[in-house]
Amino acid sequence: MVKDQNLYAFGASYSNITYEGPLDWFLQFTKIQHVWKYQPTYLIVHFLFIFGGLATLCHARVRGGRLPYLWVGTVLHGLVIESLSYILPDVDNFWHSQTPIMLLGRRLPLHIIFLYPCFIYQSSVGVAKLKLPKWAEPFAVGLGSTLVDTTYDIISVNFLHWKWHDTDPNIADRFYWVPWNSFYFHLCFAASFTFWFHFSRKLICKTDKWEADTRMKEIICTIIAALLGTPGGVLMFIPIYHPLHDTYKIHSEVTFFFLFSIFLLIVWTGDRVARTSYSKQVKAKKKKWLLDWENQLALVMNMYQYKQLLARF
């Protein structure tokens, strides 16, 4: 077992980590004082993402309808991605710094679970207000998630909140220390999750788009989206990234903006389509002024924290 006082020693390295049983592997606590001493910015980000996750959950509960299932779906989708990243050697190419609460063999910080609602849930709610055609909405959510992630990636990796491995050729091409494929990843996986979240219920449920059906049907749709969001995102790497990068050795920046342009064109085209019908508005459980402040506050706090990190640390 790695002791707290040794874990944060500068220059310390470990070839192997042992655990004192399954519980010690699953859950590990570290003193907040240790994290604050060596990585104060990481502790700030840790708690703000937890706040953002809880704020978006509050928004989902207030609005009702399918939004609570969307929130749960983003959390499960994130857990599938993170778990596979630690299991499969081909994508096990990063390591998070330690936070006060770590899961899954010291690999998963607690706040990363709430990162996916902060990215995908907020983007989904914002895109829903644009009332785009169904075929354009997943791509818009992908763009929105990537927009929020860009600031997070660039600033957090600079403060060593995590580190990508230097030996993986798929993440060798970087932008301000961030692999271009990180942005590519968020485009693909957010779009894939959104597609399956709405497409699965189109096959199973009979209610309006944001109106909840029976609990069992919604749970099935949520699980489908959480499980298929990852393979769907992986498949989107095949037609563009792998042929251009692996075969023709084209820089990852080019492949990202190739995909980005396709997404943007689809969303722009969808935005120009005449909207002949709108989805029914889900009735809120509380007053109108309460509907969106949780979501907006979480997004503002997310952006503001990185501005302050740059200014003060």
C-alpha atoms as a PDB file:
ATOM      1  CA  MET A   1       0.000   0.000   0.000  1.00  0.00           C
ATOM      2  CA  VAL A   2       1.252   3.457  -0.852  1.00  0.00           C
ATOM      3  CA  LYS A   3       1.426   5.724   2.164  1.00  0.00           C
ATOM      4  CA  ASP A   4       0.070   9.259   1.910  1.00  0.00           C
ATOM      5  CA  GLN A   5       3.297  10.860   3.002  1.00  0.00           C
ATOM      6  CA  ASN A   6       5.271   9.078   0.285  1.00  0.00           C
ATOM      7  CA  LEU A   7       2.739   9.437  -2.504  1.00  0.00           C
ATOM      8  CA  TYR A   8       3.289  13.182  -2.828  1.00  0.00           C
ATOM      9  CA  ALA A   9       7.057  13.203  -2.415  1.00  0.00           C
ATOM     10  CA  PHE A  10       8.589  15.003  -5.364  1.00  0.00           C
ATOM     11  CA  GLY A  11      10.551  12.655  -7.600  1.00  0.00           C
ATOM     12  CA  ALA A  12       9.044   9.486  -6.081  1.00  0.00           C
ATOM     13  CA  SER A  13       8.257   6.656  -8.491  1.00  0.00           C
ATOM     14  CA  TYR A  14       6.613   3.276  -8.038  1.00  0.00           C
ATOM     15  CA  SER A  15       6.921   0.199 -10.228  1.00  0.00           C
ATOM     16  CA  ASN A  16       4.036  -1.540  -8.481  1.00  0.00           C
ATOM     17  CA  ILE A  17       1.189  -0.697  -6.112  1.00  0.00           C
ATOM     18  CA  THR A  18      -0.143  -3.302  -3.704  1.00  0.00           C
ATOM     19  CA  TYR A  19      -3.536  -3.218  -2.000  1.00  0.00           C
ATOM     20  CA  GLU A  20      -4.826  -4.436   1.346  1.00  0.00           C
ATOM     21  CA  GLY A  21      -7.875  -6.207  -0.057  1.00  0.00           C
ATOM     22  CA  PRO A  22     -10.711  -5.385  -2.494  1.00  0.00           C
ATOM     23  CA  LEU A  23     -11.991  -2.402  -0.505  1.00  0.00           C
ATOM     24  CA  ASP A  24      -8.551  -0.793  -0.454  1.00  0.00           C
ATOM     25  CA  TRP A  25      -8.379  -1.272  -4.237  1.00  0.00           C
ATOM     26  CA  PHE A  26     -11.856   0.165  -4.780  1.00  0.00           C
ATOM     27  CA  LEU A  27     -11.690   3.162  -2.443  1.00  0.00           C
ATOM     28  CA  GLN A  28      -8.774   5.166  -1.086  1.00  0.00           C
ATOM     29  CA  PHE A  29      -8.779   8.317   1.038  1.00  0.00           C
ATOM     30  CA  THR A  30      -5.966  10.858   1.142  1.00  0.00           C
ATOM     31  CA  LYS A  31      -5.684  13.742   3.571  1.00  0.00           C
ATOM     32  CA  ILE A  32      -6.899  17.011   2.097  1.00  0.00           C
ATOM     33  CA  GLN A  33      -3.902  18.785   3.667  1.00  0.00           C
ATOM     34  CA  HIS A  34      -1.510  16.729   1.541  1.00  0.00           C
ATOM     35  CA  VAL A  35      -3.328  17.540  -1.685  1.00  0.00           C
ATOM     36  CA  TRP A  36      -3.545  21.227  -0.802  1.00  0.00           C
ATOM     37  CA  LYS A  37       0.154  21.375   0.045  1.00  0.00           C
ATOM     38  CA  TYR A  38       1.379  20.049  -3.284  1.00  0.00           C
ATOM     39  CA  GLN A  39      -1.528  20.619  -5.701  1.00  0.00           C
ATOM     40  CA  PRO A  40      -3.904  23.320  -4.434  1.00  0.00           C
ATOM     41  CA  THR A  41      -5.286  23.947  -7.914  1.00  0.00           C
ATOM     42  CA  TYR A  42      -6.224  20.288  -8.230  1.00  0.00           C
ATOM     43  CA  LEU A  43      -8.165  20.388  -4.974  1.00  0.00           C
ATOM     44  CA  ILE A  44     -10.071  23.453  -6.186  1.00  0.00           C
ATOM     45  CA  VAL A  45     -10.952  21.753  -9.460  1.00  0.00           C
ATOM     46  CA  HIS A  46     -11.904  18.580  -7.580  1.00  0.00           C
ATOM     47  CA  PHE A  47     -14.536  20.294  -5.445  1.00  0.00           C
ATOM     48  CA  LEU A  48     -15.833  22.552  -8.212  1.00  0.00           C
ATOM     49  CA  PHE A  49     -16.527  19.586 -10.471  1.00  0.00           C
ATOM     50  CA  ILE A  50     -18.354  17.880  -7.624  1.00  0.00           C
ATOM     51  CA  PHE A  51     -20.367  21.080  -7.206  1.00  0.00           C
ATOM     52  CA  GLY A  52     -21.031  21.171 -10.959  1.00  0.00           C
ATOM     53  CA  GLY A  53     -22.215  17.571 -10.935  1.00  0.00           C
ATOM     54  CA  LEU A  54     -24.577  18.198  -8.027  1.00  0.00           C
ATOM     55  CA  ALA A  55     -25.844  21.426  -9.611  1.00  0.00           C
ATOM     56  CA  THR A  56     -26.672  19.652 -12.856  1.00  0.00           C
ATOM     57  CA  LEU A  57     -28.364  16.882 -10.865  1.00  0.00           C
ATOM     58  CA  CYS A  58     -30.458  19.534  -9.121  1.00  0.00           C
ATOM     59  CA  HIS A  59     -31.354  20.974 -12.528  1.00  0.00           C
ATOM     60  CA  ALA A  60     -32.395  17.530 -13.775  1.00  0.00           C
ATOM     61  CA  ARG A  61     -34.559  16.901 -10.721  1.00  0.00           C
ATOM     62  CA  VAL A  62     -36.252  20.295 -10.987  1.00  0.00           C
ATOM     63  CA  ARG A  63     -36.985  19.983 -14.690  1.00  0.00           C
ATOM     64  CA  GLY A  64     -38.049  16.342 -14.538  1.00  0.00           C
ATOM     65  CA  GLY A  65     -39.012  14.455 -17.666  1.00  0.00           C
ATOM     66  CA  ARG A  66     -36.107  12.532 -19.160  1.00  0.00           C
ATOM     67  CA  LEU A  67     -33.446  14.842 -17.749  1.00  0.00           C
ATOM     68  CA  PRO A  68     -32.752  12.753 -14.613  1.00  0.00           C
ATOM     69  CA  TYR A  69     -32.156   9.742 -16.867  1.00  0.00           C
ATOM     70  CA  LEU A  70     -29.888  11.849 -19.064  1.00  0.00           C
ATOM     71  CA  TRP A  71     -27.853  12.825 -16.003  1.00  0.00           C
ATOM     72  CA  VAL A  72     -27.544   9.231 -14.813  1.00  0.00           C
ATOM     73  CA  GLY A  73     -26.697   8.154 -18.349  1.00  0.00           C
ATOM     74  CA  THR A  74     -23.781  10.590 -18.583  1.00  0.00           C
ATOM     75  CA  VAL A  75     -22.386   9.295 -15.277  1.00  0.00           C
ATOM     76  CA  LEU A  76     -22.646   5.664 -16.410  1.00  0.00           C
ATOM     77  CA  HIS A  77     -21.179   6.560 -19.795  1.00  0.00           C
ATOM     78  CA  GLY A  78     -18.212   8.153 -18.033  1.00  0.00           C
ATOM     79  CA  LEU A  79     -17.714   5.128 -15.783  1.00  0.00           C
ATOM     80  CA  VAL A  80     -17.668   2.817 -18.820  1.00  0.00           C
ATOM     81  CA  ILE A  81     -15.061   5.004 -20.561  1.00  0.00           C
ATOM     82  CA  GLU A  82     -12.838   5.337 -17.513  1.00  0.00           C
ATOM     83  CA  SER A  83     -13.033   1.651 -16.578  1.00  0.00           C
ATOM     84  CA  LEU A  84     -12.142   0.504 -20.086  1.00  0.00           C
ATOM     85  CA  SER A  85      -9.261   2.981 -20.152  1.00  0.00           C
ATOM     86  CA  TYR A  86      -7.725   1.307 -17.116  1.00  0.00           C
ATOM     87  CA  ILE A  87      -8.334  -2.243 -18.382  1.00  0.00           C
ATOM     88  CA  LEU A  88      -7.352  -2.088 -22.067  1.00  0.00           C
ATOM     89  CA  PRO A  89      -3.599  -1.541 -22.623  1.00  0.00           C
ATOM     90  CA  ASP A  90      -4.128   0.222 -25.980  1.00  0.00           C
ATOM     91  CA  VAL A  91      -5.978   3.122 -24.337  1.00  0.00           C
ATOM     92  CA  ASP A  92      -4.338   3.047 -20.910  1.00  0.00           C
ATOM     93  CA  ASN A  93      -2.237   6.096 -21.748  1.00  0.00           C
ATOM     94  CA  PHE A  94      -2.849   8.558 -18.901  1.00  0.00           C
ATOM     95  CA  TRP A  95      -2.639   8.743 -15.119  1.00  0.00           C
ATOM     96  CA  HIS A  96      -4.573  11.079 -12.829  1.00  0.00           C
ATOM     97  CA  SER A  97      -2.960  12.778  -9.872  1.00  0.00           C
ATOM     98  CA  GLN A  98      -4.326  11.713  -6.495  1.00  0.00           C
ATOM     99  CA  THR A  99      -7.309  13.486  -4.922  1.00  0.00           C
ATOM    100  CA  PRO A 100      -8.853  13.112  -1.450  1.00  0.00           C
ATOM    101  CA  ILE A 101     -11.106  10.311  -2.736  1.00  0.00           C
ATOM    102  CA  MET A 102      -9.782   7.845  -5.327  1.00  0.00           C
ATOM    103  CA  LEU A 103     -11.543   4.829  -6.844  1.00  0.00           C
ATOM    104  CA  LEU A 104     -10.583   1.752  -8.880  1.00  0.00           C
ATOM    105  CA  GLY A 105      -7.025   1.129  -7.803  1.00  0.00           C
ATOM    106  CA  ARG A 106      -6.056   4.814  -7.297  1.00  0.00           C
ATOM    107  CA  ARG A 107      -6.903   5.494 -10.955  1.00  0.00           C
ATOM    108  CA  LEU A 108     -10.270   7.285 -10.837  1.00  0.00           C
ATOM    109  CA  PRO A 109     -10.650  10.568  -8.905  1.00  0.00           C
ATOM    110  CA  LEU A 110     -14.148  11.146  -7.547  1.00  0.00           C
ATOM    111  CA  HIS A 111     -14.630  14.388  -9.472  1.00  0.00           C
ATOM    112  CA  ILE A 112     -14.070  12.684 -12.836  1.00  0.00           C
ATOM    113  CA  ILE A 113     -17.391  10.890 -12.324  1.00  0.00           C
ATOM    114  CA  PHE A 114     -19.058  14.326 -12.282  1.00  0.00           C
ATOM    115  CA  LEU A 115     -17.023  15.625 -15.205  1.00  0.00           C
ATOM    116  CA  TYR A 116     -19.245  13.892 -17.754  1.00  0.00           C
ATOM    117  CA  PRO A 117     -22.495  15.516 -16.561  1.00  0.00           C
ATOM    118  CA  CYS A 118     -20.683  18.863 -16.504  1.00  0.00           C
ATOM    119  CA  PHE A 119     -19.702  18.371 -20.153  1.00  0.00           C
ATOM    120  CA  ILE A 120     -22.377  16.272 -21.844  1.00  0.00           C
ATOM    121  CA  TYR A 121     -25.441  17.092 -19.707  1.00  0.00           C
ATOM    122  CA  GLN A 122     -24.878  20.837 -19.943  1.00  0.00           C
ATOM    123  CA  SER A 123     -24.241  20.607 -23.685  1.00  0.00           C
ATOM    124  CA  SER A 124     -27.372  18.491 -24.184  1.00  0.00           C
ATOM    125  CA  VAL A 125     -29.574  20.956 -22.328  1.00  0.00           C
ATOM    126  CA  GLY A 126     -28.106  23.900 -24.224  1.00  0.00           C
ATOM    127  CA  VAL A 127     -28.462  22.184 -27.596  1.00  0.00           C
ATOM    128  CA  ALA A 128     -32.056  21.191 -26.810  1.00  0.00           C
ATOM    129  CA  LYS A 129     -32.908  24.889 -26.619  1.00  0.00           C
ATOM    130  CA  LEU A 130     -31.704  25.331 -30.223  1.00  0.00           C
ATOM    131  CA  LYS A 131     -34.437  22.928 -31.371  1.00  0.00           C
ATOM    132  CA  LEU A 132     -32.250  21.380 -34.035  1.00  0.00           C
ATOM    133  CA  PRO A 133     -33.390  18.429 -36.162  1.00  0.00           C
ATOM    134  CA  LYS A 134     -32.797  15.072 -34.533  1.00  0.00           C
ATOM    135  CA  TRP A 135     -30.059  14.161 -37.013  1.00  0.00           C
ATOM    136  CA  ALA A 136     -28.041  17.288 -36.120  1.00  0.00           C
ATOM    137  CA  GLU A 137     -28.407  17.265 -32.345  1.00  0.00           C
ATOM    138  CA  PRO A 138     -25.745  14.626 -31.482  1.00  0.00           C
ATOM    139  CA  PHE A 139     -23.125  16.544 -33.468  1.00  0.00           C
ATOM    140  CA  ALA A 140     -24.043  19.801 -31.716  1.00  0.00           C
ATOM    141  CA  VAL A 141     -23.677  18.125 -28.318  1.00  0.00           C
ATOM    142  CA  GLY A 142     -20.266  16.855 -29.395  1.00  0.00           C
ATOM    143  CA  LEU A 143     -19.193  20.377 -30.342  1.00  0.00           C
ATOM    144  CA  GLY A 144     -20.518  21.815 -27.080  1.00  0.00           C
ATOM    145  CA  SER A 145     -18.766  19.211 -24.944  1.00  0.00           C
ATOM    146  CA  THR A 146     -15.484  19.803 -26.754  1.00  0.00           C
ATOM    147  CA  LEU A 147     -15.824  23.550 -26.285  1.00  0.00           C
ATOM    148  CA  VAL A 148     -16.131  23.148 -22.504  1.00  0.00           C
ATOM    149  CA  ASP A 149     -13.380  20.533 -22.407  1.00  0.00           C
ATOM    150  CA  THR A 150     -10.801  22.633 -24.275  1.00  0.00           C
ATOM    151  CA  THR A 151     -10.179  25.026 -21.388  1.00  0.00           C
ATOM    152  CA  TYR A 152     -10.217  22.181 -18.884  1.00  0.00           C
ATOM    153  CA  ASP A 153      -7.649  20.124 -20.788  1.00  0.00           C
ATOM    154  CA  ILE A 154      -5.190  22.896 -21.551  1.00  0.00           C
ATOM    155  CA  ILE A 155      -5.058  24.414 -18.082  1.00  0.00           C
ATOM    156  CA  SER A 156      -5.384  21.252 -16.000  1.00  0.00           C
ATOM    157  CA  VAL A 157      -2.607  19.362 -17.747  1.00  0.00           C
ATOM    158  CA  ASN A 158      -0.353  22.377 -17.244  1.00  0.00           C
ATOM    159  CA  PHE A 159      -0.916  22.004 -13.490  1.00  0.00           C
ATOM    160  CA  LEU A 160      -0.288  18.242 -13.698  1.00  0.00           C
ATOM    161  CA  HIS A 161      -3.800  17.252 -12.677  1.00  0.00           C
ATOM    162  CA  TRP A 162      -3.047  14.256 -14.856  1.00  0.00           C
ATOM    163  CA  LYS A 163      -0.405  13.257 -17.374  1.00  0.00           C
ATOM    164  CA  TRP A 164      -0.574  11.510 -20.714  1.00  0.00           C
ATOM    165  CA  HIS A 165       2.098   8.951 -21.531  1.00  0.00           C
ATOM    166  CA  ASP A 166       4.779  10.129 -23.944  1.00  0.00           C
ATOM    167  CA  THR A 167       5.222   6.773 -25.680  1.00  0.00           C
ATOM    168  CA  ASP A 168       1.811   6.424 -27.358  1.00  0.00           C
ATOM    169  CA  PRO A 169       1.964   7.624 -30.997  1.00  0.00           C
ATOM    170  CA  ASN A 170      -1.784   8.298 -31.006  1.00  0.00           C
ATOM    171  CA  ILE A 171      -1.328  11.121 -28.520  1.00  0.00           C
ATOM    172  CA  ALA A 172       2.060  12.388 -29.671  1.00  0.00           C
ATOM    173  CA  ASP A 173       0.659  15.354 -31.633  1.00  0.00           C
ATOM    174  CA  ARG A 174      -0.238  18.026 -29.079  1.00  0.00           C
ATOM    175  CA  PHE A 175      -1.697  21.481 -28.666  1.00  0.00           C
ATOM    176  CA  TYR A 176      -0.505  23.290 -25.525  1.00  0.00           C
ATOM    177  CA  TRP A 177       0.485  19.868 -24.069  1.00  0.00           C
ATOM    178  CA  VAL A 178      -2.955  18.410 -24.918  1.00  0.00           C
ATOM    179  CA  PRO A 179      -3.185  15.620 -27.520  1.00  0.00           C
ATOM    180  CA  TRP A 180      -5.354  16.589 -30.473  1.00  0.00           C
ATOM    181  CA  ASN A 181      -7.024  13.233 -30.056  1.00  0.00           C
ATOM    182  CA  SER A 182      -8.392  14.328 -26.703  1.00  0.00           C
ATOM    183  CA  PHE A 183     -10.556  16.865 -28.542  1.00  0.00           C
ATOM    184  CA  TYR A 184     -11.347  14.265 -31.201  1.00  0.00           C
ATOM    185  CA  PHE A 185     -12.391  11.895 -28.420  1.00  0.00           C
ATOM    186  CA  HIS A 186     -14.844  14.345 -26.855  1.00  0.00           C
ATOM    187  CA  LEU A 187     -16.421  15.128 -30.216  1.00  0.00           C
ATOM    188  CA  CYS A 188     -17.007  11.470 -31.022  1.00  0.00           C
ATOM    189  CA  PHE A 189     -18.005  10.057 -27.661  1.00  0.00           C
ATOM    190  CA  ALA A 190     -20.417  12.849 -26.684  1.00  0.00           C
ATOM    191  CA  ALA A 191     -22.094  12.616 -30.094  1.00  0.00           C
ATOM    192  CA  SER A 192     -22.318   8.829 -29.885  1.00  0.00           C
ATOM    193  CA  PHE A 193     -23.837   8.862 -26.400  1.00  0.00           C
ATOM    194  CA  THR A 194     -26.411  11.479 -27.437  1.00  0.00           C
ATOM    195  CA  PHE A 195     -27.355   9.497 -30.531  1.00  0.00           C
ATOM    196  CA  TRP A 196     -27.958   6.287 -28.587  1.00  0.00           C
ATOM    197  CA  PHE A 197     -29.775   8.099 -25.786  1.00  0.00           C
ATOM    198  CA  HIS A 198     -32.423   9.425 -28.180  1.00  0.00           C
ATOM    199  CA  PHE A 199     -32.391   6.665 -30.796  1.00  0.00           C
ATOM    200  CA  SER A 200     -32.902   3.844 -28.288  1.00  0.00           C
ATOM    201  CA  ARG A 201     -35.983   5.458 -26.809  1.00  0.00           C
ATOM    202  CA  LYS A 202     -37.362   6.086 -30.301  1.00  0.00           C
ATOM    203  CA  LEU A 203     -37.422   2.311 -30.707  1.00  0.00           C
ATOM    204  CA  ILE A 204     -38.645   1.477 -27.208  1.00  0.00           C
ATOM    205  CA  CYS A 205     -40.703   4.424 -25.917  1.00  0.00           C
ATOM    206  CA  LYS A 206     -43.815   6.106 -27.316  1.00  0.00           C
ATOM    207  CA  THR A 207     -43.726   9.429 -25.479  1.00  0.00           C
ATOM    208  CA  ASP A 208     -42.424  12.795 -26.645  1.00  0.00           C
ATOM    209  CA  LYS A 209     -38.671  13.354 -26.853  1.00  0.00           C
ATOM    210  CA  TRP A 210     -38.158  14.838 -23.367  1.00  0.00           C
ATOM    211  CA  GLU A 211     -41.221  13.307 -21.722  1.00  0.00           C
ATOM    212  CA  ALA A 212     -40.448  10.313 -19.535  1.00  0.00           C
ATOM    213  CA  ASP A 213     -41.988   6.940 -20.301  1.00  0.00           C
ATOM    214  CA  THR A 214     -42.256   4.121 -17.767  1.00  0.00           C
ATOM    215  CA  ARG A 215     -39.298   3.781 -15.434  1.00  0.00           C
ATOM    216  CA  MET A 216     -38.236   0.388 -16.771  1.00  0.00           C
ATOM    217  CA  LYS A 217     -38.189   1.582 -20.375  1.00  0.00           C
ATOM    218  CA  GLU A 218     -36.181   4.662 -19.459  1.00  0.00           C
ATOM    219  CA  ILE A 219     -33.678   2.598 -17.482  1.00  0.00           C
ATOM    220  CA  ILE A 220     -33.206   0.276 -20.458  1.00  0.00           C
ATOM    221  CA  CYS A 221     -32.644   3.228 -22.806  1.00  0.00           C
ATOM    222  CA  THR A 222     -30.197   4.818 -20.376  1.00  0.00           C
ATOM    223  CA  ILE A 223     -28.158   1.618 -20.039  1.00  0.00           C
ATOM    224  CA  ILE A 224     -28.096   1.158 -23.814  1.00  0.00           C
ATOM    225  CA  ALA A 225     -26.768   4.697 -24.298  1.00  0.00           C
ATOM    226  CA  ALA A 226     -24.158   4.274 -21.550  1.00  0.00           C
ATOM    227  CA  LEU A 227     -22.879   0.992 -22.996  1.00  0.00           C
ATOM    228  CA  LEU A 228     -23.034   1.766 -26.724  1.00  0.00           C
ATOM    229  CA  GLY A 229     -21.751   5.331 -26.445  1.00  0.00           C
ATOM    230  CA  THR A 230     -18.171   4.069 -26.163  1.00  0.00           C
ATOM    231  CA  PRO A 231     -18.082   1.647 -29.150  1.00  0.00           C
ATOM    232  CA  GLY A 232     -19.952   4.228 -31.208  1.00  0.00           C
ATOM    233  CA  GLY A 233     -17.302   6.808 -30.394  1.00  0.00           C
ATOM    234  CA  VAL A 234     -14.510   4.369 -31.228  1.00  0.00           C
ATOM    235  CA  LEU A 235     -16.049   3.652 -34.626  1.00  0.00           C
ATOM    236  CA  MET A 236     -15.870   7.333 -35.543  1.00  0.00           C
ATOM    237  CA  PHE A 237     -12.074   7.137 -35.348  1.00  0.00           C
ATOM    238  CA  ILE A 238     -12.002   4.577 -38.154  1.00  0.00           C
ATOM    239  CA  PRO A 239     -13.067   6.497 -41.306  1.00  0.00           C
ATOM    240  CA  ILE A 240     -10.954   9.628 -40.731  1.00  0.00           C
ATOM    241  CA  TYR A 241      -8.265   9.373 -38.076  1.00  0.00           C
ATOM    242  CA  HIS A 242      -6.750   5.943 -38.636  1.00  0.00           C
ATOM    243  CA  PRO A 243      -6.431   6.070 -42.444  1.00  0.00           C
ATOM    244  CA  LEU A 244      -5.059   9.616 -42.495  1.00  0.00           C
ATOM    245  CA  HIS A 245      -2.810   9.395 -39.431  1.00  0.00           C
ATOM    246  CA  ASP A 246      -1.707   5.765 -39.426  1.00  0.00           C
ATOM    247  CA  THR A 247      -1.411   5.202 -43.174  1.00  0.00           C
ATOM    248  CA  TYR A 248      -0.516   8.618 -44.565  1.00  0.00           C
ATOM    249  CA  LYS A 249       1.161  10.028 -41.410  1.00  0.00           C
ATOM    250  CA  ILE A 250      -0.972  13.173 -41.429  1.00  0.00           C
ATOM    251  CA  HIS A 251      -0.781  15.285 -38.259  1.00  0.00           C
ATOM    252  CA  SER A 252      -3.578  14.775 -35.722  1.00  0.00           C
ATOM    253  CA  GLU A 253      -4.441  18.470 -35.858  1.00  0.00           C
ATOM    254  CA  VAL A 254      -5.555  17.969 -39.466  1.00  0.00           C
ATOM    255  CA  THR A 255      -7.681  14.936 -38.646  1.00  0.00           C
ATOM    256  CA  PHE A 256      -9.332  16.771 -35.754  1.00  0.00           C
ATOM    257  CA  PHE A 257     -10.268  19.815 -37.810  1.00  0.00           C
ATOM    258  CA  PHE A 258     -11.450  17.529 -40.593  1.00  0.00           C
ATOM    259  CA  LEU A 259     -13.917  15.940 -38.179  1.00  0.00           C
ATOM    260  CA  PHE A 260     -14.684  19.291 -36.530  1.00  0.00           C
ATOM    261  CA  SER A 261     -15.599  20.782 -39.924  1.00  0.00           C
ATOM    262  CA  ILE A 262     -17.941  17.889 -40.675  1.00  0.00           C
ATOM    263  CA  PHE A 263     -19.671  18.299 -37.314  1.00  0.00           C
ATOM    264  CA  LEU A 264     -19.931  22.050 -37.781  1.00  0.00           C
ATOM    265  CA  LEU A 265     -21.347  21.697 -41.280  1.00  0.00           C
ATOM    266  CA  ILE A 266     -23.989  19.238 -40.113  1.00  0.00           C
ATOM    267  CA  VAL A 267     -25.045  21.511 -37.244  1.00  0.00           C
ATOM    268  CA  TRP A 268     -25.056  24.597 -39.481  1.00  0.00           C
ATOM    269  CA  THR A 269     -27.199  22.762 -42.033  1.00  0.00           C
ATOM    270  CA  GLY A 270     -29.573  21.588 -39.335  1.00  0.00           C
ATOM    271  CA  ASP A 271     -29.867  25.095 -37.952  1.00  0.00           C
ATOM    272  CA  ARG A 272     -30.972  26.318 -41.406  1.00  0.00           C
ATOM    273  CA  VAL A 273     -33.729  23.718 -41.736  1.00  0.00           C
ATOM    274  CA  ALA A 274     -37.200  25.132 -41.189  1.00  0.00           C
ATOM    275  CA  ARG A 275     -38.641  23.899 -37.930  1.00  0.00           C
ATOM    276  CA  THR A 276     -42.241  22.919 -38.526  1.00  0.00           C
ATOM    277  CA  SER A 277     -42.850  21.360 -35.129  1.00  0.00           C
ATOM    278  CA  TYR A 278     -41.349  21.611 -31.686  1.00  0.00           C
ATOM    279  CA  SER A 279     -41.242  19.057 -28.916  1.00  0.00           C
ATOM    280  CA  LYS A 280     -43.694  19.538 -26.116  1.00  0.00           C
ATOM    281  CA  GLN A 281     -42.340  21.482 -23.217  1.00  0.00           C
ATOM    282  CA  VAL A 282     -41.817  19.362 -20.115  1.00  0.00           C
ATOM    283  CA  LYS A 283     -43.643  20.913 -17.216  1.00  0.00           C
ATOM    284  CA  ALA A 284     -41.330  22.029 -14.466  1.00  0.00           C
ATOM    285  CA  LYS A 285     -41.976  21.128 -10.889  1.00  0.00           C
ATOM    286  CA  LYS A 286     -41.131  24.610  -9.609  1.00  0.00           C
ATOM    287  CA  LYS A 287     -41.251  28.228 -10.658  1.00  0.00           C
ATOM    288  CA  LYS A 288     -39.835  29.226 -14.019  1.00  0.00           C
ATOM    289  CA  TRP A 289     -36.965  31.268 -12.570  1.00  0.00           C
ATOM    290  CA  LEU A 290     -35.650  28.108 -10.909  1.00  0.00           C
ATOM    291  CA  LEU A 291     -35.397  26.125 -14.125  1.00  0.00           C
ATOM    292  CA  ASP A 292     -31.931  26.889 -15.386  1.00  0.00           C
ATOM    293  CA  TRP A 293     -29.921  28.696 -12.731  1.00  0.00           C
ATOM    294  CA  GLU A 294     -28.293  25.456 -11.512  1.00  0.00           C
ATOM    295  CA  ASN A 295     -27.027  24.546 -14.968  1.00  0.00           C
ATOM    296  CA  GLN A 296     -25.851  28.066 -15.787  1.00  0.00           C
ATOM    297  CA  LEU A 297     -24.132  28.507 -12.428  1.00  0.00           C
ATOM    298  CA  ALA A 298     -22.262  25.228 -12.850  1.00  0.00           C
ATOM    299  CA  LEU A 299     -21.031  26.273 -16.297  1.00  0.00           C
ATOM    300  CA  VAL A 300     -20.009  29.763 -15.127  1.00  0.00           C
ATOM    301  CA  MET A 301     -18.131  28.310 -12.151  1.00  0.00           C
ATOM    302  CA  ASN A 302     -16.389  25.857 -14.457  1.00  0.00           C
ATOM    303  CA  MET A 303     -15.105  28.617 -16.722  1.00  0.00           C
ATOM    304  CA  TYR A 304     -14.332  31.063 -13.910  1.00  0.00           C
ATOM    305  CA  GLN A 305     -12.195  28.576 -11.983  1.00  0.00           C
ATOM    306  CA  TYR A 306      -9.673  28.259 -14.814  1.00  0.00           C
ATOM    307  CA  LYS A 307      -9.391  32.001 -15.195  1.00  0.00           C
ATOM    308  CA  GLN A 308      -8.564  32.233 -11.511  1.00  0.00           C
ATOM    309  CA  LEU A 309      -6.068  29.364 -11.674  1.00  0.00           C
ATOM    310  CA  LEU A 310      -4.115  31.200 -14.351  1.00  0.00           C
ATOM    311  CA  ALA A 311      -4.270  34.487 -12.458  1.00  0.00           C
ATOM    312  CA  ARG A 312      -3.369  33.255  -8.982  1.00  0.00           C
ATOM    313  CA  PHE A 313      -1.122  30.189  -9.319  1.00  0.00           C
END
